[in-house]
Amino acid sequence: QVQLVESGGGLVQPGGSLRLSCAASGIKIKLNHMAWYRQVPGQQRELVAGITTYLSTNYADFVKGRFIIYRDNVKNTVSLQMNSLKPEDTAVYYCNGLRDTWEWGQGTQVTVSS
């Protein structure tokens, strides 16, 4: 059984920062490429950032220079450090595999507003 539990979201003002965390069970993240996605109501889920098993990272253009994805293989978590947040970053954020995905978790809401 694979479970992905996202946390760390909340309300933040533009320019602020948040750190999201994804706790995985039933899988070893060190054996999987992982990623963060986000979805706005009425829109398609989109890839935000990915990290491979060998720690290579990639980012969507709209978050480059602002977000950092990293993993902790001991804690079996993958995190997303979000800096310089913008109102357009408002969305529900999910973690999952980069290539193959498991059942989606509930996500964590990030709201950027003044």
Protein backbone atom coordinates (compact mmCIF):
# COMPACT_ATOMS: atom_id res chain seq x y z
CA GLN A 1 0.00 0.00 0.00
CA VAL A 2 1.41 3.34 -1.08
CA GLN A 3 0.46 6.51 0.74
CA LEU A 4 1.58 10.04 0.04
CA VAL A 5 0.77 12.68 2.63
CA GLU A 6 1.46 16.32 1.85
CA SER A 7 1.73 19.02 4.50
CA GLY A 8 3.04 22.51 5.07
CA GLY A 9 0.62 24.57 3.03
CA GLY A 10 -1.15 27.64 4.28
CA LEU A 11 -1.86 31.30 3.72
CA VAL A 12 1.11 33.53 2.97
CA GLN A 13 1.57 37.04 1.63
CA PRO A 14 3.24 37.71 -1.72
CA GLY A 15 7.00 37.50 -1.37
CA GLY A 16 6.74 35.08 1.51
CA SER A 17 8.00 31.53 1.84
CA LEU A 18 6.61 28.11 2.62
CA ARG A 19 8.13 24.67 2.89
CA LEU A 20 6.03 21.73 1.80
CA SER A 21 6.74 18.18 2.86
CA CYS A 22 5.62 14.86 1.46
CA ALA A 23 5.77 11.80 3.67
CA ALA A 24 5.78 8.55 1.75
CA SER A 25 4.94 5.09 2.98
CA GLY A 26 4.84 1.82 1.11
CA ILE A 27 7.64 2.98 -1.18
CA LYS A 28 11.25 3.99 -0.86
CA ILE A 29 11.75 7.39 -2.40
CA LYS A 30 15.44 6.67 -2.85
CA LEU A 31 14.39 4.18 -5.51
CA ASN A 32 12.04 6.52 -7.33
CA HIS A 33 12.15 9.77 -9.22
CA MET A 34 9.83 12.11 -7.32
CA ALA A 35 8.03 15.32 -8.12
CA TRP A 36 5.74 18.06 -6.92
CA TYR A 37 2.67 19.01 -8.91
CA ARG A 38 0.01 21.65 -8.44
CA GLN A 39 -3.55 22.14 -9.56
CA VAL A 40 -5.87 25.12 -9.69
CA PRO A 41 -9.61 24.37 -9.70
CA GLY A 42 -10.83 23.99 -13.27
CA GLN A 43 -7.33 23.55 -14.63
CA GLN A 44 -5.10 20.61 -15.43
CA ARG A 45 -2.59 19.40 -12.88
CA GLU A 46 0.88 20.63 -13.80
CA LEU A 47 4.41 19.61 -12.94
CA VAL A 48 6.23 22.03 -10.66
CA ALA A 49 9.54 20.32 -9.95
CA GLY A 50 11.15 16.92 -10.20
CA ILE A 51 14.09 15.17 -8.56
CA THR A 52 15.68 11.94 -9.71
CA THR A 53 17.18 9.10 -7.70
CA TYR A 54 20.61 10.52 -8.46
CA LEU A 55 19.55 14.02 -7.28
CA SER A 56 19.21 15.70 -10.64
CA THR A 57 16.49 18.35 -10.48
CA ASN A 58 14.29 20.12 -12.96
CA TYR A 59 11.82 22.96 -12.56
CA ALA A 60 8.94 24.44 -14.45
CA ASP A 61 9.82 27.81 -15.95
CA PHE A 62 7.35 29.60 -13.72
CA VAL A 63 9.16 28.56 -10.52
CA LYS A 64 12.81 28.57 -11.61
CA GLY A 65 14.97 30.55 -9.22
CA ARG A 66 12.25 30.57 -6.57
CA PHE A 67 11.55 26.95 -5.61
CA ILE A 68 13.90 24.16 -4.54
CA ILE A 69 13.02 20.48 -4.45
CA TYR A 70 14.97 18.09 -2.28
CA ARG A 71 14.66 14.67 -0.72
CA ASP A 72 15.61 13.01 2.54
CA ASN A 73 16.10 9.32 1.92
CA VAL A 74 16.41 8.55 5.64
CA LYS A 75 13.10 10.18 6.52
CA ASN A 76 11.63 8.99 3.24
CA THR A 77 10.33 12.44 2.41
CA VAL A 78 10.49 14.88 -0.46
CA SER A 79 10.17 18.59 0.17
CA LEU A 80 9.57 21.77 -1.77
CA GLN A 81 11.01 25.03 -0.48
CA MET A 82 9.00 27.87 -1.99
CA ASN A 83 10.40 31.39 -1.89
CA SER A 84 9.26 34.70 -3.34
CA LEU A 85 5.74 33.40 -3.61
CA LYS A 86 3.34 35.03 -6.02
CA PRO A 87 -0.48 35.08 -6.07
CA GLU A 88 -0.38 32.88 -9.18
CA ASP A 89 1.30 30.17 -7.10
CA THR A 90 -2.01 29.64 -5.33
CA ALA A 91 -3.02 26.02 -5.86
CA VAL A 92 -3.27 22.62 -4.25
CA TYR A 93 0.15 21.02 -4.24
CA TYR A 94 0.68 17.27 -4.57
CA CYS A 95 3.67 14.98 -4.54
CA ASN A 96 3.99 11.81 -6.59
CA GLY A 97 6.34 9.95 -8.87
CA LEU A 98 7.94 11.90 -11.67
CA ARG A 99 7.44 9.21 -14.29
CA ASP A 100 5.03 6.67 -12.86
CA THR A 101 2.45 7.79 -10.33
CA TRP A 102 0.70 6.16 -7.41
CA GLU A 103 -2.66 7.06 -5.95
CA TRP A 104 -2.82 10.80 -5.37
CA GLY A 105 -2.91 12.13 -1.85
CA GLN A 106 -5.18 14.90 -0.63
CA GLY A 107 -2.60 17.57 -1.39
CA THR A 108 -1.91 20.70 0.61
CA GLN A 109 -3.44 24.09 -0.12
CA VAL A 110 -1.15 27.03 -0.76
CA THR A 111 -2.78 30.43 -0.87
CA VAL A 112 -0.73 33.52 -1.69
CA SER A 113 -2.68 36.68 -1.07
CA SER A 114 -2.30 40.12 0.42
